[in-house]
Amino acid sequence: MTERYEVIVCGGGMVGAATACALAQGGVKVALLERFNPERQWPPEPIDIRVSALTKASQNILESVGAWPGMVRRGICAYRDMRVWDAAADGELHFDCADTEFNELGHLVENRVTVAALWDVLDTLPSATCITPAKVVDMQLNDSGRQLRLEDGRILEADLVIAADGRDSALRTMAGIEITGWDYHQDGLVATVSTEKSHQFTAWQRFLDEGPLAFLPLKNGQCSIVWTLSSETAKNHLALADQDFLQALEQASGGILGKMLDVGPRAAFPLRFQYANRYIDQRFALCGDAAHAMHPLAGQGVNAGLLDAAAIAELVIQTKREKRPLSGSRFLRRYERWRKGDNLMMMASMDVLNKAYGMNAEPLIRLRSAGMNLINHSAVVKAYFNNYAMGLRDDLPSLAKGRICW
């Protein structure tokens, strides 16, 4: 027997769960498919190594769908300052929430906290159905919609399927959508560390020869690090004994937070520049990493994905409210126009920055350092960059502005 929904979202991570939440809040009959049942409870320590820096726009989205209180209850950490500097020269940037209308620039949140809070909300929404474990093994397009066959034999059907199943999206492959991209031959090494000096609720980032090293403040006084290294160096650093790794980290940090005292489990993930050539197909759309993958040096990946979620949800809800069929392509084309250009601009900016700070020619080092200092001493220019990084820019979805769309 075929189970029928208006929309099926594949992938129950932050982006997929946020998409399903927004749709269900708008009265859309939605199914969320996820291969693994996400954890909802865990011991207070240790903090998970998978952490995201959420912008003000992302906070607005998560507040609007009802997930933010559950996140606050589980624990989040506001950061009020951001300091960026070039290890090869004297260039530096300082962003301060005192220069904005807000009390913080953003929040550092464990990914599992965001996911758990969103799934808590989904449990309360009558038009949402969470199906787990669920692995899609086949997708077909027919006259009545998209039909999905699960590994356990169940058949699901919907007017629209939204794939939010990650960078290596199986649904994107099933839809025949090709990608463009390249490997950076870099890995992002992540870990949680204890430092001698307080993080001062500041996000610290130092640009080094192989890539940036970021120290992100956590609620318990520790820092989450994201260290971009060549793949070979990352492999070697993962194999180091803890004390040797801490010594290398302390040297790379320039001593900004004093001695490195302790480190938890370490992991590294390969970095790619990648985008889907199309965001949409008949009765099908891509969201989040399934549509785009960018360098993590500014921490914008999940924030771009949450904007995708807010945009597609708003357009689906609007289409249903206007009593137009969700099988149509007009709102999907609008979604692609809305989000693809914005994402490509962000991705290209991150790509240029990564390459600029990977060049060691002395004239280029002086030029980029002078550019950083110019921005730092121009209130107008710095405010523009600050607002953009916080997600406060034009043409945002309603939820990102803190306005509900249902």
Protein backbone atom coordinates (compact mmCIF):
# COMPACT_ATOMS: atom_id res chain seq x y z
CA MET A 1 0.00 0.00 0.00
CA THR A 2 1.32 3.43 -0.98
CA GLU A 3 1.60 6.12 1.72
CA ARG A 4 0.66 9.53 0.35
CA TYR A 5 2.01 12.95 1.44
CA GLU A 6 2.07 16.42 -0.02
CA VAL A 7 5.83 16.74 0.51
CA ILE A 8 8.55 14.25 1.46
CA VAL A 9 11.82 15.60 2.87
CA CYS A 10 14.75 13.19 2.68
CA GLY A 11 17.42 13.81 5.31
CA GLY A 12 16.66 14.59 8.95
CA GLY A 13 19.69 16.74 9.79
CA MET A 14 19.51 20.43 10.60
CA VAL A 15 18.41 21.57 7.14
CA GLY A 16 15.98 18.75 6.41
CA ALA A 17 14.39 18.88 9.86
CA ALA A 18 14.04 22.67 9.65
CA THR A 19 12.39 22.32 6.24
CA ALA A 20 9.91 19.73 7.54
CA CYS A 21 9.19 21.84 10.64
CA ALA A 22 8.40 24.95 8.61
CA LEU A 23 6.21 23.02 6.17
CA ALA A 24 4.27 21.29 8.97
CA GLN A 25 3.79 24.59 10.80
CA GLY A 26 2.21 25.82 7.57
CA GLY A 27 -0.23 22.92 7.49
CA VAL A 28 1.54 20.92 4.77
CA LYS A 29 1.28 17.15 5.14
CA VAL A 30 4.97 16.27 5.22
CA ALA A 31 7.03 13.14 5.84
CA LEU A 32 10.63 13.39 7.04
CA LEU A 33 12.84 10.43 6.18
CA GLU A 34 16.08 9.76 8.06
CA ARG A 35 18.34 6.72 8.09
CA PHE A 36 19.09 6.99 11.81
CA ASN A 37 16.94 8.01 14.75
CA PRO A 38 18.68 11.12 16.15
CA GLU A 39 19.67 11.18 19.80
CA ARG A 40 17.62 13.49 22.03
CA GLN A 41 19.49 13.13 25.33
CA TRP A 42 23.15 12.75 26.25
CA PRO A 43 25.48 13.44 29.19
CA PRO A 44 26.53 17.09 29.65
CA GLU A 45 30.16 16.22 28.94
CA PRO A 46 31.93 15.87 26.60
CA ILE A 47 30.70 18.42 24.08
CA ASP A 48 30.30 16.95 20.61
CA ILE A 49 32.97 17.90 18.07
CA ARG A 50 30.35 18.76 15.43
CA VAL A 51 29.54 22.41 16.14
CA SER A 52 28.06 25.17 13.96
CA ALA A 53 28.20 28.95 14.16
CA LEU A 54 24.61 30.08 13.65
CA THR A 55 23.90 33.57 12.34
CA LYS A 56 21.15 35.91 13.47
CA ALA A 57 19.15 34.94 10.36
CA SER A 58 19.44 31.26 11.29
CA GLN A 59 18.36 32.07 14.84
CA ASN A 60 15.28 33.82 13.43
CA ILE A 61 14.41 30.73 11.38
CA LEU A 62 14.84 28.38 14.33
CA GLU A 63 12.85 30.66 16.62
CA SER A 64 10.05 30.93 14.05
CA VAL A 65 9.65 27.15 13.72
CA GLY A 66 9.68 26.74 17.52
CA ALA A 67 13.04 25.00 17.98
CA TRP A 68 15.06 27.74 19.69
CA PRO A 69 13.74 27.21 23.26
CA GLY A 70 14.74 23.52 23.09
CA MET A 71 18.19 24.55 21.91
CA VAL A 72 18.61 27.07 24.72
CA ARG A 73 17.52 24.44 27.23
CA ARG A 74 20.16 21.99 25.95
CA GLY A 75 22.86 24.64 25.83
CA ILE A 76 24.13 27.23 23.36
CA CYS A 77 26.95 29.80 23.52
CA ALA A 78 26.66 33.36 22.24
CA TYR A 79 29.78 34.96 20.81
CA ARG A 80 30.08 38.74 21.01
CA ASP A 81 33.33 39.41 19.18
CA MET A 82 35.24 38.02 16.24
CA ARG A 83 38.96 38.58 15.77
CA VAL A 84 40.70 37.58 12.55
CA TRP A 85 44.37 38.07 11.79
CA ASP A 86 47.03 37.10 9.27
CA ALA A 87 49.94 35.14 10.71
CA ALA A 88 52.20 36.23 7.84
CA ALA A 89 51.65 39.99 8.25
CA ASP A 90 49.99 42.63 10.41
CA GLY A 91 46.50 42.49 8.88
CA GLU A 92 43.63 42.09 11.33
CA LEU A 93 39.88 42.44 11.61
CA HIS A 94 37.76 42.94 14.71
CA PHE A 95 33.98 42.63 14.66
CA ASP A 96 32.13 43.62 17.85
CA CYS A 97 28.44 43.19 18.63
CA ALA A 98 28.61 46.64 20.26
CA ASP A 99 28.69 48.02 16.72
CA THR A 100 25.34 46.35 15.98
CA GLU A 101 21.87 46.51 17.49
CA PHE A 102 22.27 43.02 18.96
CA ASN A 103 23.85 41.58 22.10
CA GLU A 104 25.80 38.98 20.13
CA LEU A 105 27.13 38.29 16.65
CA GLY A 106 25.82 34.73 16.63
CA HIS A 107 25.75 31.46 18.57
CA LEU A 108 27.89 28.35 18.69
CA VAL A 109 25.69 25.27 18.93
CA GLU A 110 26.36 21.55 18.78
CA ASN A 111 24.72 20.12 15.67
CA ARG A 112 22.99 17.45 17.74
CA VAL A 113 21.37 20.17 19.88
CA THR A 114 19.77 21.80 16.85
CA VAL A 115 18.63 18.49 15.40
CA ALA A 116 17.15 17.25 18.69
CA ALA A 117 15.22 20.49 19.24
CA LEU A 118 13.79 20.38 15.71
CA TRP A 119 12.70 16.75 16.10
CA ASP A 120 11.06 17.63 19.42
CA VAL A 121 8.96 20.21 17.58
CA LEU A 122 8.13 17.76 14.80
CA ASP A 123 6.72 15.36 17.40
CA THR A 124 4.11 18.01 18.28
CA LEU A 125 2.97 18.84 14.74
CA PRO A 126 -0.04 16.80 13.53
CA SER A 127 0.79 17.22 9.83
CA ALA A 128 4.38 15.93 10.25
CA THR A 129 5.37 12.26 10.13
CA CYS A 130 8.94 11.18 10.93
CA ILE A 131 9.96 7.87 9.40
CA THR A 132 13.14 6.27 10.72
CA PRO A 133 15.10 4.25 9.94
CA ALA A 134 14.39 4.95 6.29
CA LYS A 135 16.75 4.41 3.37
CA VAL A 136 15.51 5.34 -0.10
CA VAL A 137 16.62 2.77 -2.69
CA ASP A 138 14.64 4.00 -5.70
CA MET A 139 12.82 7.12 -6.88
CA GLN A 140 10.44 7.29 -9.83
CA LEU A 141 8.45 10.09 -11.43
CA ASN A 142 4.87 9.24 -12.44
CA ASP A 143 1.67 11.07 -13.29
CA SER A 144 0.63 11.40 -9.65
CA GLY A 145 3.96 12.51 -8.18
CA ARG A 146 7.35 11.29 -7.04
CA GLN A 147 7.35 7.74 -5.74
CA LEU A 148 10.00 6.50 -3.31
CA ARG A 149 10.74 2.90 -2.47
CA LEU A 150 12.42 2.28 0.88
CA GLU A 151 14.84 -0.49 1.73
CA ASP A 152 12.16 -2.17 3.88
CA GLY A 153 9.80 -2.32 0.90
CA ARG A 154 7.50 0.56 1.85
CA ILE A 155 6.27 2.79 -0.98
CA LEU A 156 5.80 6.53 -0.39
CA GLU A 157 4.46 9.12 -2.80
CA ALA A 158 4.29 12.92 -2.76
CA ASP A 159 3.60 15.92 -4.96
CA LEU A 160 7.12 17.14 -4.16
CA VAL A 161 10.31 15.51 -2.88
CA ILE A 162 12.95 17.69 -1.21
CA ALA A 163 16.43 16.20 -0.90
CA ALA A 164 18.44 17.42 2.09
CA ASP A 165 20.56 14.29 2.33
CA GLY A 166 24.01 15.83 2.32
CA ARG A 167 26.95 16.54 0.04
CA ASP A 168 26.94 13.02 -1.42
CA SER A 169 23.17 13.09 -1.94
CA ALA A 170 21.77 9.78 -3.16
CA LEU A 171 18.48 11.46 -4.14
CA ARG A 172 20.35 14.00 -6.30
CA THR A 173 21.98 11.11 -8.16
CA MET A 174 18.62 9.36 -8.59
CA ALA A 175 17.19 12.58 -10.05
CA GLY A 176 20.03 12.70 -12.60
CA ILE A 177 21.30 16.10 -11.45
CA GLU A 178 25.00 16.56 -12.07
CA ILE A 179 27.45 18.53 -9.95
CA THR A 180 30.37 20.88 -10.61
CA GLY A 181 33.24 21.13 -8.19
CA TRP A 182 36.73 20.24 -7.13
CA ASP A 183 38.66 18.96 -4.14
CA TYR A 184 40.64 21.50 -2.13
CA HIS A 185 43.11 18.81 -1.09
CA GLN A 186 42.53 20.16 2.39
CA ASP A 187 40.83 18.68 5.43
CA GLY A 188 39.01 20.43 8.24
CA LEU A 189 40.36 19.04 11.50
CA VAL A 190 37.91 19.44 14.38
CA ALA A 191 38.25 18.88 18.11
CA THR A 192 37.31 20.36 21.48
CA VAL A 193 40.17 21.88 23.48
CA SER A 194 40.75 23.46 26.87
CA THR A 195 42.91 26.59 26.92
CA GLU A 196 44.82 28.45 29.60
CA LYS A 197 43.12 31.78 28.89
CA SER A 198 39.39 32.47 28.65
CA HIS A 199 37.87 32.54 25.18
CA GLN A 200 36.09 35.77 26.22
CA PHE A 201 33.05 34.72 24.17
CA THR A 202 35.08 35.60 21.10
CA ALA A 203 35.55 33.68 17.86
CA TRP A 204 39.26 33.72 17.01
CA GLN A 205 40.62 32.94 13.55
CA ARG A 206 44.26 32.99 12.42
CA PHE A 207 45.17 32.57 8.76
CA LEU A 208 48.17 30.26 8.36
CA ASP A 209 50.10 28.93 5.35
CA GLU A 210 47.93 25.81 4.94
CA GLY A 211 44.63 27.43 5.92
CA PRO A 212 42.79 29.15 8.78
CA LEU A 213 42.72 27.98 12.39
CA ALA A 214 39.55 28.93 14.26
CA PHE A 215 38.85 28.80 18.00
CA LEU A 216 35.10 28.94 18.64
CA PRO A 217 33.79 29.57 22.19
CA LEU A 218 31.69 26.91 23.88
CA LYS A 219 29.24 27.12 26.78
CA ASN A 220 31.51 25.23 29.21
CA GLY A 221 34.55 27.47 28.68
CA GLN A 222 36.24 25.18 26.17
CA CYS A 223 36.79 25.95 22.50
CA SER A 224 35.81 24.06 19.38
CA ILE A 225 38.62 24.22 16.84
CA VAL A 226 38.32 24.04 13.06
CA TRP A 227 41.80 23.80 11.58
CA THR A 228 42.17 23.78 7.79
CA LEU A 229 45.24 21.77 6.80
CA SER A 230 46.54 19.96 3.77
CA SER A 231 45.10 16.47 3.71
CA GLU A 232 48.53 14.99 4.44
CA THR A 233 49.18 17.30 7.40
CA ALA A 234 45.71 16.62 8.79
CA LYS A 235 46.35 12.88 8.60
CA ASN A 236 49.63 13.32 10.46
CA HIS A 237 48.04 15.54 13.12
CA LEU A 238 45.32 12.99 13.77
CA ALA A 239 48.01 10.41 14.47
CA LEU A 240 49.90 12.58 16.99
CA ALA A 241 49.80 11.86 20.69
CA ASP A 242 47.63 14.36 22.57
CA GLN A 243 50.54 16.32 24.05
CA ASP A 244 52.29 16.57 20.69
CA PHE A 245 49.08 17.73 19.05
CA LEU A 246 48.52 20.35 21.77
CA GLN A 247 52.05 21.64 21.29
CA ALA A 248 51.50 21.98 17.52
CA LEU A 249 48.16 23.68 18.12
CA GLU A 250 49.64 26.13 20.64
CA GLN A 251 52.36 27.09 18.19
CA ALA A 252 49.84 27.54 15.36
CA SER A 253 47.60 29.71 17.57
CA GLY A 254 50.37 32.20 18.22
CA GLY A 255 49.65 31.85 21.93
CA ILE A 256 46.50 33.96 21.71
CA LEU A 257 44.72 31.78 24.29
CA GLY A 258 47.83 30.78 26.23
CA LYS A 259 48.75 27.15 26.70
CA MET A 260 46.68 24.38 25.18
CA LEU A 261 45.77 22.20 28.17
CA ASP A 262 43.63 19.33 26.94
CA VAL A 263 42.07 17.93 23.78
CA GLY A 264 39.18 15.54 23.21
CA PRO A 265 38.62 13.21 20.24
CA ARG A 266 39.82 14.53 16.89
CA ALA A 267 38.36 14.04 13.43
CA ALA A 268 38.98 15.44 9.96
CA PHE A 269 36.75 15.75 6.93
CA PRO A 270 37.76 16.47 3.31
CA LEU A 271 36.87 19.90 1.92
CA ARG A 272 35.29 20.47 -1.48
CA PHE A 273 33.88 23.26 -3.57
CA GLN A 274 30.74 21.79 -5.07
CA TYR A 275 27.37 22.86 -6.41
CA ALA A 276 24.50 21.14 -8.16
CA ASN A 277 24.11 22.29 -11.76
CA ARG A 278 20.37 22.43 -11.13
CA TYR A 279 18.55 22.86 -7.82
CA ILE A 280 15.28 21.51 -9.18
CA ASP A 281 13.68 18.90 -11.41
CA GLN A 282 10.08 17.89 -11.94
CA ARG A 283 8.47 17.68 -8.47
CA PHE A 284 11.95 17.72 -6.93
CA ALA A 285 14.24 20.21 -5.16
CA LEU A 286 17.64 20.20 -3.45
CA CYS A 287 18.43 21.93 -0.15
CA GLY A 288 21.55 22.44 1.93
CA ASP A 289 24.70 20.45 1.22
CA ALA A 290 22.85 18.41 -1.40
CA ALA A 291 22.75 21.63 -3.43
CA HIS A 292 26.03 23.28 -2.40
CA ALA A 293 29.18 22.65 -0.37
CA MET A 294 31.52 25.49 0.52
CA HIS A 295 34.76 26.05 2.38
CA PRO A 296 34.12 26.29 6.16
CA LEU A 297 36.44 29.26 6.79
CA ALA A 298 33.50 31.59 7.52
CA GLY A 299 31.19 28.91 8.92
CA GLN A 300 28.40 29.73 6.45
CA GLY A 301 27.50 26.25 5.16
CA VAL A 302 24.66 25.39 7.52
CA ASN A 303 23.40 28.98 7.51
CA ALA A 304 23.06 28.88 3.72
CA GLY A 305 21.23 25.57 4.08
CA LEU A 306 18.78 26.98 6.61
CA LEU A 307 18.05 29.86 4.21
CA ASP A 308 17.31 27.23 1.55
CA ALA A 309 14.92 25.54 3.99
CA ALA A 310 13.14 28.79 4.81
CA ALA A 311 12.84 29.73 1.13
CA ILE A 312 11.44 26.43 -0.17
CA ALA A 313 9.03 26.18 2.78
CA GLU A 314 7.74 29.71 2.20
CA LEU A 315 7.14 29.06 -1.50
CA VAL A 316 5.42 25.70 -0.90
CA ILE A 317 3.16 27.20 1.77
CA GLN A 318 2.35 30.18 -0.44
CA THR A 319 1.56 27.90 -3.38
CA LYS A 320 -0.77 25.79 -1.27
CA ARG A 321 -2.45 28.86 0.23
CA GLU A 322 -3.14 30.15 -3.29
CA LYS A 323 -4.68 26.74 -4.11
CA ARG A 324 -2.16 26.07 -6.86
CA PRO A 325 -0.86 22.50 -7.29
CA LEU A 326 2.42 21.53 -5.66
CA SER A 327 3.09 19.56 -8.83
CA GLY A 328 3.71 22.83 -10.68
CA SER A 329 7.14 24.14 -11.61
CA ARG A 330 6.66 27.90 -11.21
CA PHE A 331 7.45 28.04 -7.49
CA LEU A 332 10.38 25.65 -7.95
CA ARG A 333 11.92 27.88 -10.61
CA ARG A 334 11.51 30.82 -8.27
CA TYR A 335 13.24 28.87 -5.49
CA GLU A 336 16.21 28.12 -7.74
CA ARG A 337 16.52 31.75 -8.84
CA TRP A 338 16.21 32.93 -5.24
CA ARG A 339 18.80 30.69 -3.66
CA LYS A 340 21.29 29.58 -6.31
CA GLY A 341 22.75 33.03 -7.01
CA ASP A 342 23.06 33.89 -3.33
CA ASN A 343 24.76 30.58 -2.56
CA LEU A 344 27.17 30.82 -5.48
CA MET A 345 28.18 34.33 -4.41
CA MET A 346 28.93 33.12 -0.88
CA MET A 347 30.77 30.06 -2.18
CA ALA A 348 32.88 32.10 -4.59
CA SER A 349 33.79 34.55 -1.81
CA MET A 350 34.97 31.72 0.43
CA ASP A 351 36.90 30.17 -2.45
CA VAL A 352 38.70 33.43 -3.26
CA LEU A 353 39.59 34.02 0.39
CA ASN A 354 40.94 30.50 0.79
CA LYS A 355 43.11 30.84 -2.30
CA ALA A 356 44.27 34.37 -1.42
CA TYR A 357 45.53 33.26 1.97
CA GLY A 358 47.20 30.23 0.44
CA MET A 359 49.55 32.43 -1.62
CA ASN A 360 52.96 33.18 -0.15
CA ALA A 361 54.28 35.82 -2.56
CA GLU A 362 55.36 38.85 -0.52
CA PRO A 363 53.49 41.47 -2.63
CA LEU A 364 50.23 39.48 -2.26
CA ILE A 365 50.76 39.13 1.50
CA ARG A 366 51.19 42.90 1.82
CA LEU A 367 48.16 43.53 -0.37
CA ARG A 368 45.79 41.24 1.56
CA SER A 369 47.07 42.60 4.87
CA ALA A 370 46.47 46.17 3.72
CA GLY A 371 42.96 45.15 2.63
CA MET A 372 42.17 43.70 6.06
CA ASN A 373 43.37 46.83 7.82
CA LEU A 374 41.45 49.06 5.41
CA ILE A 375 38.22 47.20 6.19
CA ASN A 376 38.98 47.23 9.91
CA HIS A 377 39.33 51.01 9.97
CA SER A 378 36.28 51.77 7.82
CA ALA A 379 33.11 51.70 9.91
CA VAL A 380 30.86 51.64 6.85
CA VAL A 381 32.66 48.83 5.06
CA LYS A 382 33.07 46.79 8.25
CA ALA A 383 29.37 47.18 9.05
CA TYR A 384 28.52 45.83 5.59
CA PHE A 385 30.71 42.74 6.08
CA ASN A 386 29.41 42.30 9.62
CA ASN A 387 25.76 42.39 8.54
CA TYR A 388 26.43 40.03 5.64
CA ALA A 389 28.15 37.54 7.92
CA MET A 390 25.22 37.74 10.36
CA GLY A 391 22.84 36.93 7.52
CA LEU A 392 21.25 40.37 7.67
CA ARG A 393 20.93 41.18 4.00
CA ASP A 394 18.28 41.88 1.41
CA ASP A 395 15.94 39.33 -0.15
CA LEU A 396 15.81 37.00 2.83
CA PRO A 397 12.96 34.52 3.33
CA SER A 398 10.31 35.67 5.79
CA LEU A 399 11.40 33.22 8.50
CA ALA A 400 14.97 34.58 8.36
CA LYS A 401 13.53 38.01 9.15
CA GLY A 402 11.63 36.59 12.12
CA ARG A 403 8.25 36.69 10.35
CA ILE A 404 6.14 33.57 10.02
CA CYS A 405 4.93 32.64 6.53
CA TRP A 406 1.84 30.63 7.48
